[in-house]
Protein backbone atom coordinates (compact mmCIF):
# COMPACT_ATOMS: atom_id res chain seq x y z
CA MET A 1 -14.01 -14.07 -9.90
CA THR A 2 -11.01 -11.88 -9.87
CA TYR A 3 -8.65 -14.63 -11.22
CA ASP A 4 -8.53 -16.42 -14.55
CA ASN A 5 -8.52 -20.20 -15.04
CA GLU A 6 -4.86 -20.28 -14.97
CA GLY A 7 -4.71 -18.40 -11.45
CA ARG A 8 -3.70 -14.94 -12.74
CA PHE A 9 -5.19 -11.85 -11.20
CA VAL A 10 -7.43 -9.79 -13.65
CA PRO A 11 -7.61 -6.17 -12.39
CA GLN A 12 -10.69 -5.63 -14.71
CA ARG A 13 -12.72 -8.15 -12.96
CA PHE A 14 -11.71 -6.64 -9.63
CA GLU A 15 -12.74 -3.35 -10.67
CA ASP A 16 -15.99 -4.76 -12.08
CA ILE A 17 -17.04 -6.01 -8.48
CA PHE A 18 -16.84 -2.34 -7.14
CA ALA A 19 -18.66 -0.86 -10.10
CA LYS A 20 -21.45 -3.37 -9.88
CA TYR A 21 -21.92 -3.80 -6.03
CA ASP A 22 -20.66 -0.50 -4.54
CA ARG A 23 -23.93 1.40 -4.11
CA GLY A 24 -23.40 5.10 -3.54
CA ASN A 25 -19.74 5.28 -4.83
CA LYS A 26 -18.35 4.80 -1.27
CA GLY A 27 -14.95 3.57 -2.40
CA GLY A 28 -15.59 0.16 -0.87
CA LEU A 29 -18.21 -2.31 0.09
CA ASP A 30 -20.23 -2.29 3.37
CA ALA A 31 -21.78 -5.38 4.78
CA TRP A 32 -25.07 -5.04 2.60
CA ASP A 33 -23.00 -4.64 -0.54
CA LEU A 34 -20.99 -7.82 0.47
CA LEU A 35 -24.22 -9.81 0.87
CA ARG A 36 -25.49 -8.46 -2.56
CA PHE A 37 -22.16 -9.44 -4.02
CA HIS A 38 -22.23 -12.88 -2.53
CA LYS A 39 -25.82 -13.54 -3.70
CA GLY A 40 -25.09 -12.21 -7.18
CA GLN A 41 -22.06 -14.39 -7.76
CA ARG A 42 -23.12 -17.75 -6.38
CA MET A 43 -23.80 -20.67 -8.61
CA VAL A 44 -27.11 -22.66 -8.32
CA PHE A 45 -27.11 -25.65 -5.94
CA ASP A 46 -23.46 -25.21 -4.94
CA PHE A 47 -24.22 -25.22 -1.26
CA PHE A 48 -20.69 -25.82 -0.29
CA GLY A 49 -19.45 -22.99 -2.51
CA TRP A 50 -21.90 -20.68 -0.93
CA SER A 51 -20.82 -21.50 2.54
CA ALA A 52 -17.17 -21.21 1.59
CA ALA A 53 -17.55 -17.82 -0.07
CA PHE A 54 -19.59 -16.53 2.79
CA LEU A 55 -17.05 -17.66 5.43
CA GLU A 56 -14.14 -16.29 3.44
CA TRP A 57 -15.71 -12.85 2.91
CA HIS A 58 -16.77 -12.80 6.63
CA ALA A 59 -13.09 -13.46 7.43
CA VAL A 60 -12.19 -10.56 5.09
CA TYR A 61 -14.40 -8.32 6.90
CA LEU A 62 -13.17 -9.42 10.32
CA LEU A 63 -9.53 -9.05 9.19
CA LEU A 64 -10.13 -5.37 7.95
CA TRP A 65 -12.67 -4.62 10.63
CA PRO A 66 -13.48 -1.25 9.20
CA GLU A 67 -14.20 1.57 11.69
CA ASP A 68 -16.99 3.06 9.36
CA GLY A 69 -18.24 -0.32 8.18
CA ILE A 70 -16.91 0.06 4.77
CA CYS A 71 -14.18 -2.41 3.16
CA ARG A 72 -12.06 -0.22 1.12
CA LYS A 73 -10.98 -1.21 -2.22
CA ASP A 74 -7.49 -0.64 -1.54
CA ASP A 75 -7.51 -2.93 1.58
CA ILE A 76 -9.29 -5.58 -0.24
CA ARG A 77 -6.71 -5.50 -3.12
CA ARG A 78 -4.06 -5.83 -0.43
CA ILE A 79 -5.67 -9.05 0.74
CA PHE A 80 -5.52 -10.35 -2.97
CA ASP A 81 -1.82 -9.48 -3.34
CA GLY A 82 -0.92 -10.52 0.31
CA SER A 83 0.51 -7.22 1.63
CA ILE A 84 -2.35 -6.67 4.05
CA PHE A 85 -0.67 -9.36 6.43
CA GLN A 86 2.59 -7.23 6.74
CA GLN A 87 0.48 -4.26 7.50
CA LYS A 88 -1.58 -6.00 10.16
CA ALA A 89 1.76 -7.49 11.60
CA ASP A 90 3.10 -4.00 11.77
CA GLU A 91 -0.02 -2.64 13.58
CA TYR A 92 0.06 -5.51 16.03
CA ALA A 93 3.70 -4.85 16.87
CA VAL A 94 2.94 -1.09 17.54
CA LYS A 95 -0.05 -2.02 19.69
CA GLN A 96 2.15 -4.54 21.70
CA ARG A 97 4.85 -1.77 22.30
CA THR A 98 2.34 0.79 23.32
CA TRP A 99 0.71 -1.85 25.86
CA SER A 100 4.09 -2.72 27.29
CA ARG A 101 5.00 0.92 27.81
CA LEU A 102 1.64 1.42 29.63
CA GLU A 103 2.24 -1.60 31.83
CA GLY A 104 5.58 -0.22 32.70
CA ILE A 105 4.15 3.10 33.66
CA GLU A 106 1.47 1.30 35.88
CA SER A 107 4.03 -0.85 37.59
CA GLY A 108 6.07 2.28 38.61
CA ALA A 109 9.20 1.36 36.55
């Protein structure tokens, strides 16, 4: 949908997704918007494609895990360009350092 037949990212198609499915101009898609998007973009009798697309967007939602339930446009764009994975790795590293400090305090070190 956001890529052409040669595998190039098309920013206008990406923007069109949010223009069409972002109800209420939230700046992102909530779970209901994602379901409407999934239903609106599926091909007739492509049951495997429906399942794959659903699992893919479910994984996106789980990866982002938005506090307010809205997957922001910038976060979804970072998934497309791959930079979200470095951000998540950095967040994980910070969380690990915090946990190791707390464990050191609890053990009396």
